[in-house]
């Protein structure tokens, strides 16, 4: 237990918990935020279009009270979130951005 806590604390202090940011040399912070919002919006719409057949709210012999329906709903939410993230990343890369760890240059 003590070793695990030491590893977690060491990882936290070393910056393992830092979130990568999108960077482009000629983009202002306002432009980055605007592009992120637009890419997120476009990715949300496209992910919904691509995954309509998995949506458990569509035609199904199961009702929302069934365990199977709940499991399907949870899986759909995870798959949708992953696809949305992938599409958003593609959009940002197509606009010339790169993901970078905070504090690093290159």
PDB file of N, CA and C in Angstrom:
ATOM      1  N   UNK A   1       0.828  -1.198   0.000  1.00  0.00           N
ATOM      2  CA  UNK A   1       0.000   0.000   0.000  1.00  0.00           C
ATOM      3  C   UNK A   1       0.865   1.253   0.000  1.00  0.00           C
ATOM      4  N   UNK A   2       1.912   1.246   0.812  1.00  0.00           N
ATOM      5  CA  UNK A   2       2.792   2.404   0.910  1.00  0.00           C
ATOM      6  C   UNK A   2       3.536   2.621  -0.407  1.00  0.00           C
ATOM      7  N   UNK A   3       3.936   1.527  -1.061  1.00  0.00           N
ATOM      8  CA  UNK A   3       4.641   1.635  -2.339  1.00  0.00           C
ATOM      9  C   UNK A   3       3.719   2.233  -3.398  1.00  0.00           C
ATOM     10  N   UNK A   4       2.467   1.790  -3.423  1.00  0.00           N
ATOM     11  CA  UNK A   4       1.505   2.320  -4.386  1.00  0.00           C
ATOM     12  C   UNK A   4       1.289   3.813  -4.183  1.00  0.00           C
ATOM     13  N   UNK A   5       1.142   4.230  -2.943  1.00  0.00           N
ATOM     14  CA  UNK A   5       0.947   5.654  -2.658  1.00  0.00           C
ATOM     15  C   UNK A   5       2.164   6.464  -3.081  1.00  0.00           C
ATOM     16  N   UNK A   6       3.355   5.908  -2.875  1.00  0.00           N
ATOM     17  CA  UNK A   6       4.585   6.600  -3.276  1.00  0.00           C
ATOM     18  C   UNK A   6       4.663   6.738  -4.791  1.00  0.00           C
ATOM     19  N   UNK A   7       4.291   5.691  -5.501  1.00  0.00           N
ATOM     20  CA  UNK A   7       4.317   5.733  -6.972  1.00  0.00           C
ATOM     21  C   UNK A   7       3.309   6.754  -7.492  1.00  0.00           C
ATOM     22  N   UNK A   8       2.104   6.745  -6.946  1.00  0.00           N
ATOM     23  CA  UNK A   8       1.075   7.688  -7.381  1.00  0.00           C
ATOM     24  C   UNK A   8       1.517   9.120  -7.104  1.00  0.00           C
ATOM     25  N   UNK A   9       2.042   9.370  -5.904  1.00  0.00           N
ATOM     26  CA  UNK A   9       2.501  10.710  -5.552  1.00  0.00           C
ATOM     27  C   UNK A   9       3.660  11.137  -6.445  1.00  0.00           C
ATOM     28  N   UNK A  10       4.590  10.231  -6.703  1.00  0.00           N
ATOM     29  CA  UNK A  10       5.719  10.540  -7.576  1.00  0.00           C
ATOM     30  C   UNK A  10       5.264  10.860  -8.996  1.00  0.00           C
ATOM     31  N   UNK A  11       4.305  10.110  -9.477  1.00  0.00           N
ATOM     32  CA  UNK A  11       3.762  10.347 -10.817  1.00  0.00           C
ATOM     33  C   UNK A  11       3.072  11.704 -10.885  1.00  0.00           C
ATOM     34  N   UNK A  12       2.311  12.025  -9.842  1.00  0.00           N
ATOM     35  CA  UNK A  12       1.622  13.309  -9.798  1.00  0.00           C
ATOM     36  C   UNK A  12       2.626  14.461  -9.788  1.00  0.00           C
ATOM     37  N   UNK A  13       3.636  14.356  -8.962  1.00  0.00           N
ATOM     38  CA  UNK A  13       4.641  15.423  -8.876  1.00  0.00           C
ATOM     39  C   UNK A  13       5.473  15.532 -10.145  1.00  0.00           C
ATOM     40  N   UNK A  14       5.635  14.426 -10.847  1.00  0.00           N
ATOM     41  CA  UNK A  14       6.418  14.431 -12.085  1.00  0.00           C
ATOM     42  C   UNK A  14       5.622  14.965 -13.266  1.00  0.00           C
ATOM     43  N   UNK A  15       4.355  15.202 -13.079  1.00  0.00           N
ATOM     44  CA  UNK A  15       3.540  15.772 -14.153  1.00  0.00           C
ATOM     45  C   UNK A  15       2.740  14.757 -14.930  1.00  0.00           C
ATOM     46  N   UNK A  16       2.585  13.565 -14.413  1.00  0.00           N
ATOM     47  CA  UNK A  16       1.817  12.537 -15.117  1.00  0.00           C
ATOM     48  C   UNK A  16       0.354  12.928 -15.258  1.00  0.00           C
ATOM     49  N   UNK A  17      -0.109  13.806 -14.406  1.00  0.00           N
ATOM     50  CA  UNK A  17      -1.519  14.170 -14.438  1.00  0.00           C
ATOM     51  C   UNK A  17      -1.797  15.371 -15.337  1.00  0.00           C
ATOM     52  N   UNK A  18      -0.762  15.911 -15.990  1.00  0.00           N
ATOM     53  CA  UNK A  18      -0.978  17.080 -16.834  1.00  0.00           C
ATOM     54  C   UNK A  18      -1.741  16.682 -18.095  1.00  0.00           C
ATOM     55  N   UNK A  19      -2.602  17.558 -18.536  1.00  0.00           N
ATOM     56  CA  UNK A  19      -3.423  17.311 -19.709  1.00  0.00           C
ATOM     57  C   UNK A  19      -2.771  17.946 -20.933  1.00  0.00           C
ATOM     58  N   UNK A  20      -2.601  17.189 -22.018  1.00  0.00           N
ATOM     59  CA  UNK A  20      -2.024  17.775 -23.236  1.00  0.00           C
ATOM     60  C   UNK A  20      -2.901  18.907 -23.763  1.00  0.00           C
ATOM     61  N   UNK A  21      -2.291  19.861 -24.422  1.00  0.00           N
ATOM     62  CA  UNK A  21      -3.010  21.001 -24.992  1.00  0.00           C
ATOM     63  C   UNK A  21      -2.739  21.064 -26.495  1.00  0.00           C
ATOM     64  N   UNK A  22      -3.677  21.661 -27.209  1.00  0.00           N
ATOM     65  CA  UNK A  22      -3.507  21.855 -28.651  1.00  0.00           C
ATOM     66  C   UNK A  22      -2.689  23.120 -28.877  1.00  0.00           C
ATOM     67  N   UNK A  23      -1.683  23.027 -29.741  1.00  0.00           N
ATOM     68  CA  UNK A  23      -0.846  24.179 -30.048  1.00  0.00           C
ATOM     69  C   UNK A  23      -0.671  24.314 -31.562  1.00  0.00           C
ATOM     70  N   UNK A  24      -0.587  25.561 -31.975  1.00  0.00           N
ATOM     71  CA  UNK A  24      -0.258  25.919 -33.353  1.00  0.00           C
ATOM     72  C   UNK A  24       0.447  27.271 -33.256  1.00  0.00           C
ATOM     73  N   UNK A  25       1.633  27.377 -33.810  1.00  0.00           N
ATOM     74  CA  UNK A  25       2.430  28.592 -33.611  1.00  0.00           C
ATOM     75  C   UNK A  25       1.718  29.902 -33.931  1.00  0.00           C
ATOM     76  N   UNK A  26       0.893  29.928 -34.956  1.00  0.00           N
ATOM     77  CA  UNK A  26       0.274  31.190 -35.368  1.00  0.00           C
ATOM     78  C   UNK A  26      -1.116  31.421 -34.777  1.00  0.00           C
ATOM     79  N   UNK A  27      -1.555  30.552 -33.873  1.00  0.00           N
ATOM     80  CA  UNK A  27      -2.918  30.665 -33.321  1.00  0.00           C
ATOM     81  C   UNK A  27      -2.909  31.386 -31.977  1.00  0.00           C
ATOM     82  N   UNK A  28      -3.838  32.294 -31.827  1.00  0.00           N
ATOM     83  CA  UNK A  28      -4.020  32.979 -30.542  1.00  0.00           C
ATOM     84  C   UNK A  28      -4.835  32.064 -29.611  1.00  0.00           C
ATOM     85  N   UNK A  29      -4.784  32.284 -28.309  1.00  0.00           N
ATOM     86  CA  UNK A  29      -5.598  31.475 -27.396  1.00  0.00           C
ATOM     87  C   UNK A  29      -7.097  31.522 -27.732  1.00  0.00           C
ATOM     88  N   UNK A  30      -7.557  32.671 -28.193  1.00  0.00           N
ATOM     89  CA  UNK A  30      -8.968  32.789 -28.587  1.00  0.00           C
ATOM     90  C   UNK A  30      -9.267  31.903 -29.789  1.00  0.00           C
ATOM     91  N   UNK A  31      -8.364  31.890 -30.761  1.00  0.00           N
ATOM     92  CA  UNK A  31      -8.562  31.061 -31.955  1.00  0.00           C
ATOM     93  C   UNK A  31      -8.527  29.575 -31.598  1.00  0.00           C
ATOM     94  N   UNK A  32      -7.612  29.193 -30.709  1.00  0.00           N
ATOM     95  CA  UNK A  32      -7.531  27.790 -30.286  1.00  0.00           C
ATOM     96  C   UNK A  32      -8.851  27.373 -29.643  1.00  0.00           C
ATOM     97  N   UNK A  33      -9.358  28.205 -28.749  1.00  0.00           N
ATOM     98  CA  UNK A  33     -10.624  27.893 -28.075  1.00  0.00           C
ATOM     99  C   UNK A  33     -11.774  27.796 -29.074  1.00  0.00           C
ATOM    100  N   UNK A  34     -11.807  28.722 -30.024  1.00  0.00           N
ATOM    101  CA  UNK A  34     -12.875  28.710 -31.035  1.00  0.00           C
ATOM    102  C   UNK A  34     -12.782  27.452 -31.901  1.00  0.00           C
ATOM    103  N   UNK A  35     -11.568  27.104 -32.323  1.00  0.00           N
ATOM    104  CA  UNK A  35     -11.395  25.902 -33.144  1.00  0.00           C
ATOM    105  C   UNK A  35     -11.751  24.641 -32.363  1.00  0.00           C
ATOM    106  N   UNK A  36     -11.388  24.593 -31.080  1.00  0.00           N
ATOM    107  CA  UNK A  36     -11.750  23.436 -30.260  1.00  0.00           C
ATOM    108  C   UNK A  36     -13.264  23.297 -30.144  1.00  0.00           C
ATOM    109  N   UNK A  37     -13.941  24.398 -29.919  1.00  0.00           N
ATOM    110  CA  UNK A  37     -15.403  24.350 -29.803  1.00  0.00           C
ATOM    111  C   UNK A  37     -16.041  23.904 -31.112  1.00  0.00           C
ATOM    112  N   UNK A  38     -15.556  24.452 -32.212  1.00  0.00           N
ATOM    113  CA  UNK A  38     -16.139  24.081 -33.502  1.00  0.00           C
ATOM    114  C   UNK A  38     -15.860  22.616 -33.834  1.00  0.00           C
ATOM    115  N   UNK A  39     -14.623  22.155 -33.585  1.00  0.00           N
ATOM    116  CA  UNK A  39     -14.296  20.754 -33.842  1.00  0.00           C
ATOM    117  C   UNK A  39     -15.121  19.830 -32.958  1.00  0.00           C
ATOM    118  N   UNK A  40     -15.326  20.219 -31.703  1.00  0.00           N
ATOM    119  CA  UNK A  40     -16.138  19.412 -30.798  1.00  0.00           C
ATOM    120  C   UNK A  40     -17.581  19.332 -31.300  1.00  0.00           C
ATOM    121  N   UNK A  41     -18.108  20.460 -31.743  1.00  0.00           N
ATOM    122  CA  UNK A  41     -19.485  20.485 -32.262  1.00  0.00           C
ATOM    123  C   UNK A  41     -19.618  19.607 -33.504  1.00  0.00           C
ATOM    124  N   UNK A  42     -18.664  19.751 -34.436  1.00  0.00           N
ATOM    125  CA  UNK A  42     -18.699  18.945 -35.656  1.00  0.00           C
ATOM    126  C   UNK A  42     -18.525  17.459 -35.346  1.00  0.00           C
ATOM    127  N   UNK A  43     -17.618  17.150 -34.423  1.00  0.00           N
ATOM    128  CA  UNK A  43     -17.368  15.755 -34.048  1.00  0.00           C
ATOM    129  C   UNK A  43     -18.596  15.141 -33.376  1.00  0.00           C
ATOM    130  N   UNK A  44     -19.283  15.916 -32.557  1.00  0.00           N
ATOM    131  CA  UNK A  44     -20.487  15.417 -31.892  1.00  0.00           C
ATOM    132  C   UNK A  44     -21.550  15.032 -32.913  1.00  0.00           C
ATOM    133  N   UNK A  45     -21.746  15.901 -33.866  1.00  0.00           N
ATOM    134  CA  UNK A  45     -22.748  15.649 -34.898  1.00  0.00           C
ATOM    135  C   UNK A  45     -22.369  14.439 -35.751  1.00  0.00           C
ATOM    136  N   UNK A  46     -21.108  14.371 -36.143  1.00  0.00           N
ATOM    137  CA  UNK A  46     -20.663  13.266 -36.994  1.00  0.00           C
ATOM    138  C   UNK A  46     -20.688  11.941 -36.241  1.00  0.00           C
ATOM    139  N   UNK A  47     -20.279  11.944 -34.978  1.00  0.00           N
ATOM    140  CA  UNK A  47     -20.307  10.708 -34.192  1.00  0.00           C
ATOM    141  C   UNK A  47     -21.736  10.198 -34.043  1.00  0.00           C
ATOM    142  N   UNK A  48     -22.664  11.103 -33.826  1.00  0.00           N
ATOM    143  CA  UNK A  48     -24.076  10.714 -33.702  1.00  0.00           C
ATOM    144  C   UNK A  48     -24.559  10.102 -35.016  1.00  0.00           C
ATOM    145  N   UNK A  49     -24.156  10.696 -36.141  1.00  0.00           N
ATOM    146  CA  UNK A  49     -24.550  10.180 -37.455  1.00  0.00           C
ATOM    147  C   UNK A  49     -23.961   8.798 -37.696  1.00  0.00           C
ATOM    148  N   UNK A  50     -22.685   8.627 -37.334  1.00  0.00           N
ATOM    149  CA  UNK A  50     -22.025   7.350 -37.582  1.00  0.00           C
ATOM    150  C   UNK A  50     -22.531   6.240 -36.669  1.00  0.00           C
ATOM    151  N   UNK A  51     -23.025   6.600 -35.506  1.00  0.00           N
ATOM    152  CA  UNK A  51     -23.369   5.579 -34.523  1.00  0.00           C
ATOM    153  C   UNK A  51     -24.870   5.426 -34.284  1.00  0.00           C
ATOM    154  N   UNK A  52     -25.702   5.933 -35.166  1.00  0.00           N
ATOM    155  CA  UNK A  52     -27.141   5.889 -34.954  1.00  0.00           C
ATOM    156  C   UNK A  52     -27.644   4.463 -34.735  1.00  0.00           C
ATOM    157  N   UNK A  53     -27.032   3.507 -35.394  1.00  0.00           N
ATOM    158  CA  UNK A  53     -27.492   2.128 -35.318  1.00  0.00           C
ATOM    159  C   UNK A  53     -27.206   1.491 -33.962  1.00  0.00           C
ATOM    160  N   UNK A  54     -26.304   2.091 -33.154  1.00  0.00           N
ATOM    161  CA  UNK A  54     -25.997   1.534 -31.841  1.00  0.00           C
ATOM    162  C   UNK A  54     -26.838   2.150 -30.728  1.00  0.00           C
ATOM    163  N   UNK A  55     -27.530   3.220 -31.035  1.00  0.00           N
ATOM    164  CA  UNK A  55     -28.256   3.946 -29.995  1.00  0.00           C
ATOM    165  C   UNK A  55     -29.359   3.077 -29.403  1.00  0.00           C
ATOM    166  N   UNK A  56     -29.270   2.775 -28.099  1.00  0.00           N
ATOM    167  CA  UNK A  56     -30.296   1.928 -27.482  1.00  0.00           C
ATOM    168  C   UNK A  56     -31.648   2.614 -27.356  1.00  0.00           C
ATOM    169  N   UNK A  57     -31.723   3.905 -27.641  1.00  0.00           N
ATOM    170  CA  UNK A  57     -33.016   4.584 -27.620  1.00  0.00           C
ATOM    171  C   UNK A  57     -33.785   4.342 -28.906  1.00  0.00           C
ATOM    172  N   UNK A  58     -33.123   3.714 -29.876  1.00  0.00           N
ATOM    173  CA  UNK A  58     -33.783   3.385 -31.129  1.00  0.00           C
ATOM    174  C   UNK A  58     -34.655   2.152 -30.959  1.00  0.00           C
ATOM    175  N   UNK A  59     -35.134   1.600 -32.082  1.00  0.00           N
ATOM    176  CA  UNK A  59     -36.008   0.429 -32.022  1.00  0.00           C
ATOM    177  C   UNK A  59     -35.333  -0.722 -31.287  1.00  0.00           C
ATOM    178  N   UNK A  60     -36.003  -1.268 -30.298  1.00  0.00           N
ATOM    179  CA  UNK A  60     -35.445  -2.365 -29.517  1.00  0.00           C
ATOM    180  C   UNK A  60     -36.579  -3.108 -28.826  1.00  0.00           C
ATOM    181  N   UNK A  61     -36.445  -4.417 -28.688  1.00  0.00           N
ATOM    182  CA  UNK A  61     -37.471  -5.179 -27.965  1.00  0.00           C
ATOM    183  C   UNK A  61     -37.334  -5.023 -26.448  1.00  0.00           C
ATOM    184  N   UNK A  62     -36.310  -4.322 -26.005  1.00  0.00           N
ATOM    185  CA  UNK A  62     -36.068  -4.171 -24.575  1.00  0.00           C
ATOM    186  C   UNK A  62     -36.590  -2.831 -24.084  1.00  0.00           C
ATOM    187  N   UNK A  63     -36.938  -2.773 -22.827  1.00  0.00           N
ATOM    188  CA  UNK A  63     -37.407  -1.521 -22.235  1.00  0.00           C
ATOM    189  C   UNK A  63     -36.286  -0.910 -21.395  1.00  0.00           C
ATOM    190  N   UNK A  64     -36.367   0.382 -21.076  1.00  0.00           N
ATOM    191  CA  UNK A  64     -35.328   1.024 -20.280  1.00  0.00           C
ATOM    192  C   UNK A  64     -35.116   0.416 -18.899  1.00  0.00           C
ATOM    193  N   UNK A  65     -36.016  -0.423 -18.436  1.00  0.00           N
ATOM    194  CA  UNK A  65     -35.851  -1.052 -17.127  1.00  0.00           C
ATOM    195  C   UNK A  65     -35.065  -2.357 -17.185  1.00  0.00           C
ATOM    196  N   UNK A  66     -34.813  -2.862 -18.387  1.00  0.00           N
ATOM    197  CA  UNK A  66     -34.077  -4.117 -18.532  1.00  0.00           C
ATOM    198  C   UNK A  66     -32.593  -3.887 -18.279  1.00  0.00           C
ATOM    199  N   UNK A  67     -31.960  -4.881 -17.656  1.00  0.00           N
ATOM    200  CA  UNK A  67     -30.514  -4.811 -17.423  1.00  0.00           C
ATOM    201  C   UNK A  67     -29.766  -4.752 -18.756  1.00  0.00           C
ATOM    202  N   UNK A  68     -30.262  -5.495 -19.746  1.00  0.00           N
ATOM    203  CA  UNK A  68     -29.615  -5.494 -21.052  1.00  0.00           C
ATOM    204  C   UNK A  68     -29.642  -4.091 -21.661  1.00  0.00           C
ATOM    205  N   UNK A  69     -30.750  -3.402 -21.530  1.00  0.00           N
ATOM    206  CA  UNK A  69     -30.850  -2.044 -22.072  1.00  0.00           C
ATOM    207  C   UNK A  69     -29.855  -1.121 -21.384  1.00  0.00           C
ATOM    208  N   UNK A  70     -29.739  -1.227 -20.061  1.00  0.00           N
ATOM    209  CA  UNK A  70     -28.809  -0.387 -19.305  1.00  0.00           C
ATOM    210  C   UNK A  70     -27.380  -0.654 -19.744  1.00  0.00           C
ATOM    211  N   UNK A  71     -27.035  -1.908 -19.937  1.00  0.00           N
ATOM    212  CA  UNK A  71     -25.690  -2.263 -20.390  1.00  0.00           C
ATOM    213  C   UNK A  71     -25.435  -1.706 -21.789  1.00  0.00           C
ATOM    214  N   UNK A  72     -26.424  -1.838 -22.661  1.00  0.00           N
ATOM    215  CA  UNK A  72     -26.285  -1.288 -24.021  1.00  0.00           C
ATOM    216  C   UNK A  72     -26.104   0.214 -23.974  1.00  0.00           C
ATOM    217  N   UNK A  73     -26.869   0.888 -23.121  1.00  0.00           N
ATOM    218  CA  UNK A  73     -26.797   2.347 -23.007  1.00  0.00           C
ATOM    219  C   UNK A  73     -25.414   2.777 -22.536  1.00  0.00           C
ATOM    220  N   UNK A  74     -24.878   2.106 -21.532  1.00  0.00           N
ATOM    221  CA  UNK A  74     -23.546   2.441 -21.029  1.00  0.00           C
ATOM    222  C   UNK A  74     -22.478   2.217 -22.091  1.00  0.00           C
ATOM    223  N   UNK A  75     -22.584   1.112 -22.824  1.00  0.00           N
ATOM    224  CA  UNK A  75     -21.602   0.831 -23.874  1.00  0.00           C
ATOM    225  C   UNK A  75     -21.701   1.874 -24.986  1.00  0.00           C
ATOM    226  N   UNK A  76     -22.923   2.237 -25.340  1.00  0.00           N
ATOM    227  CA  UNK A  76     -23.110   3.266 -26.366  1.00  0.00           C
ATOM    228  C   UNK A  76     -22.473   4.585 -25.941  1.00  0.00           C
ATOM    229  N   UNK A  77     -22.678   4.978 -24.700  1.00  0.00           N
ATOM    230  CA  UNK A  77     -22.113   6.234 -24.200  1.00  0.00           C
ATOM    231  C   UNK A  77     -20.591   6.214 -24.277  1.00  0.00           C
ATOM    232  N   UNK A  78     -19.983   5.091 -23.918  1.00  0.00           N
ATOM    233  CA  UNK A  78     -18.518   4.989 -23.980  1.00  0.00           C
ATOM    234  C   UNK A  78     -18.034   5.021 -25.428  1.00  0.00           C
ATOM    235  N   UNK A  79     -18.681   4.264 -26.304  1.00  0.00           N
ATOM    236  CA  UNK A  79     -18.281   4.231 -27.708  1.00  0.00           C
ATOM    237  C   UNK A  79     -18.474   5.593 -28.365  1.00  0.00           C
ATOM    238  N   UNK A  80     -19.592   6.241 -28.052  1.00  0.00           N
ATOM    239  CA  UNK A  80     -19.875   7.560 -28.614  1.00  0.00           C
ATOM    240  C   UNK A  80     -18.823   8.574 -28.164  1.00  0.00           C
ATOM    241  N   UNK A  81     -18.485   8.561 -26.878  1.00  0.00           N
ATOM    242  CA  UNK A  81     -17.478   9.489 -26.365  1.00  0.00           C
ATOM    243  C   UNK A  81     -16.122   9.268 -26.998  1.00  0.00           C
ATOM    244  N   UNK A  82     -15.743   8.003 -27.190  1.00  0.00           N
ATOM    245  CA  UNK A  82     -14.467   7.691 -27.827  1.00  0.00           C
ATOM    246  C   UNK A  82     -14.454   8.165 -29.277  1.00  0.00           C
ATOM    247  N   UNK A  83     -15.532   7.888 -30.008  1.00  0.00           N
ATOM    248  CA  UNK A  83     -15.590   8.295 -31.426  1.00  0.00           C
ATOM    249  C   UNK A  83     -15.607   9.817 -31.542  1.00  0.00           C
ATOM    250  N   UNK A  84     -16.303  10.477 -30.651  1.00  0.00           N
ATOM    251  CA  UNK A  84     -16.349  11.937 -30.653  1.00  0.00           C
ATOM    252  C   UNK A  84     -14.944  12.500 -30.433  1.00  0.00           C
ATOM    253  N   UNK A  85     -14.213  11.933 -29.511  1.00  0.00           N
ATOM    254  CA  UNK A  85     -12.838  12.385 -29.240  1.00  0.00           C
ATOM    255  C   UNK A  85     -11.943  12.159 -30.450  1.00  0.00           C
ATOM    256  N   UNK A  86     -12.061  10.985 -31.083  1.00  0.00           N
ATOM    257  CA  UNK A  86     -11.253  10.689 -32.263  1.00  0.00           C
ATOM    258  C   UNK A  86     -11.528  11.693 -33.380  1.00  0.00           C
ATOM    259  N   UNK A  87     -12.797  11.955 -33.636  1.00  0.00           N
ATOM    260  CA  UNK A  87     -13.161  12.884 -34.705  1.00  0.00           C
ATOM    261  C   UNK A  87     -12.732  14.311 -34.382  1.00  0.00           C
ATOM    262  N   UNK A  88     -12.836  14.703 -33.133  1.00  0.00           N
ATOM    263  CA  UNK A  88     -12.405  16.034 -32.721  1.00  0.00           C
ATOM    264  C   UNK A  88     -10.893  16.182 -32.906  1.00  0.00           C
ATOM    265  N   UNK A  89     -10.138  15.149 -32.551  1.00  0.00           N
ATOM    266  CA  UNK A  89      -8.682  15.177 -32.744  1.00  0.00           C
ATOM    267  C   UNK A  89      -8.320  15.283 -34.227  1.00  0.00           C
ATOM    268  N   UNK A  90      -9.023  14.546 -35.063  1.00  0.00           N
ATOM    269  CA  UNK A  90      -8.779  14.610 -36.510  1.00  0.00           C
ATOM    270  C   UNK A  90      -9.039  16.016 -37.025  1.00  0.00           C
ATOM    271  N   UNK A  91     -10.117  16.616 -36.559  1.00  0.00           N
ATOM    272  CA  UNK A  91     -10.466  17.975 -36.979  1.00  0.00           C
ATOM    273  C   UNK A  91      -9.369  18.957 -36.582  1.00  0.00           C
ATOM    274  N   UNK A  92      -8.910  18.881 -35.333  1.00  0.00           N
ATOM    275  CA  UNK A  92      -7.873  19.809 -34.871  1.00  0.00           C
ATOM    276  C   UNK A  92      -6.565  19.606 -35.640  1.00  0.00           C
ATOM    277  N   UNK A  93      -6.211  18.373 -35.896  1.00  0.00           N
ATOM    278  CA  UNK A  93      -4.984  18.096 -36.659  1.00  0.00           C
ATOM    279  C   UNK A  93      -5.106  18.615 -38.084  1.00  0.00           C
ATOM    280  N   UNK A  94      -6.302  18.519 -38.658  1.00  0.00           N
ATOM    281  CA  UNK A  94      -6.496  19.011 -40.024  1.00  0.00           C
ATOM    282  C   UNK A  94      -6.385  20.529 -40.108  1.00  0.00           C
ATOM    283  N   UNK A  95      -6.530  21.191 -38.966  1.00  0.00           N
ATOM    284  CA  UNK A  95      -6.392  22.648 -38.909  1.00  0.00           C
ATOM    285  C   UNK A  95      -4.967  23.075 -38.540  1.00  0.00           C
ATOM    286  N   UNK A  96      -4.077  22.098 -38.470  1.00  0.00           N
ATOM    287  CA  UNK A  96      -2.676  22.409 -38.226  1.00  0.00           C
ATOM    288  C   UNK A  96      -2.225  22.374 -36.776  1.00  0.00           C
ATOM    289  N   UNK A  97      -3.052  21.895 -35.871  1.00  0.00           N
ATOM    290  CA  UNK A  97      -2.693  21.839 -34.457  1.00  0.00           C
ATOM    291  C   UNK A  97      -1.985  20.530 -34.139  1.00  0.00           C
ATOM    292  N   UNK A  98      -1.208  20.570 -33.060  1.00  0.00           N
ATOM    293  CA  UNK A  98      -0.569  19.371 -32.538  1.00  0.00           C
ATOM    294  C   UNK A  98      -0.831  19.303 -31.041  1.00  0.00           C
ATOM    295  N   UNK A  99      -1.008  18.078 -30.542  1.00  0.00           N
ATOM    296  CA  UNK A  99      -1.160  17.894 -29.096  1.00  0.00           C
ATOM    297  C   UNK A  99       0.223  17.947 -28.467  1.00  0.00           C
ATOM    298  N   UNK A 100       0.318  18.677 -27.363  1.00  0.00           N
ATOM    299  CA  UNK A 100       1.610  18.845 -26.717  1.00  0.00           C
ATOM    300  C   UNK A 100       1.418  18.866 -25.199  1.00  0.00           C
ATOM    301  N   UNK A 101       2.364  18.262 -24.493  1.00  0.00           N
ATOM    302  CA  UNK A 101       2.342  18.328 -23.029  1.00  0.00           C
ATOM    303  C   UNK A 101       2.587  19.766 -22.601  1.00  0.00           C
ATOM    304  N   UNK A 102       1.870  20.246 -21.584  1.00  0.00           N
ATOM    305  CA  UNK A 102       2.084  21.606 -21.108  1.00  0.00           C
ATOM    306  C   UNK A 102       3.528  21.822 -20.647  1.00  0.00           C
ATOM    307  N   UNK A 103       4.085  22.955 -21.005  1.00  0.00           N
ATOM    308  CA  UNK A 103       5.440  23.293 -20.590  1.00  0.00           C
ATOM    309  C   UNK A 103       6.514  22.799 -21.524  1.00  0.00           C
ATOM    310  N   UNK A 104       6.153  21.955 -22.494  1.00  0.00           N
ATOM    311  CA  UNK A 104       7.143  21.454 -23.456  1.00  0.00           C
ATOM    312  C   UNK A 104       7.038  22.258 -24.736  1.00  0.00           C
ATOM    313  N   UNK A 105       8.148  22.453 -25.392  1.00  0.00           N
ATOM    314  CA  UNK A 105       8.163  23.134 -26.682  1.00  0.00           C
ATOM    315  C   UNK A 105       8.661  22.177 -27.727  1.00  0.00           C
ATOM    316  N   UNK A 106       8.270  22.441 -28.950  1.00  0.00           N
ATOM    317  CA  UNK A 106       8.782  21.547 -29.982  1.00  0.00           C
ATOM    318  C   UNK A 106       7.804  21.388 -31.018  1.00  0.00           C
TER     319      UNK A 106
END
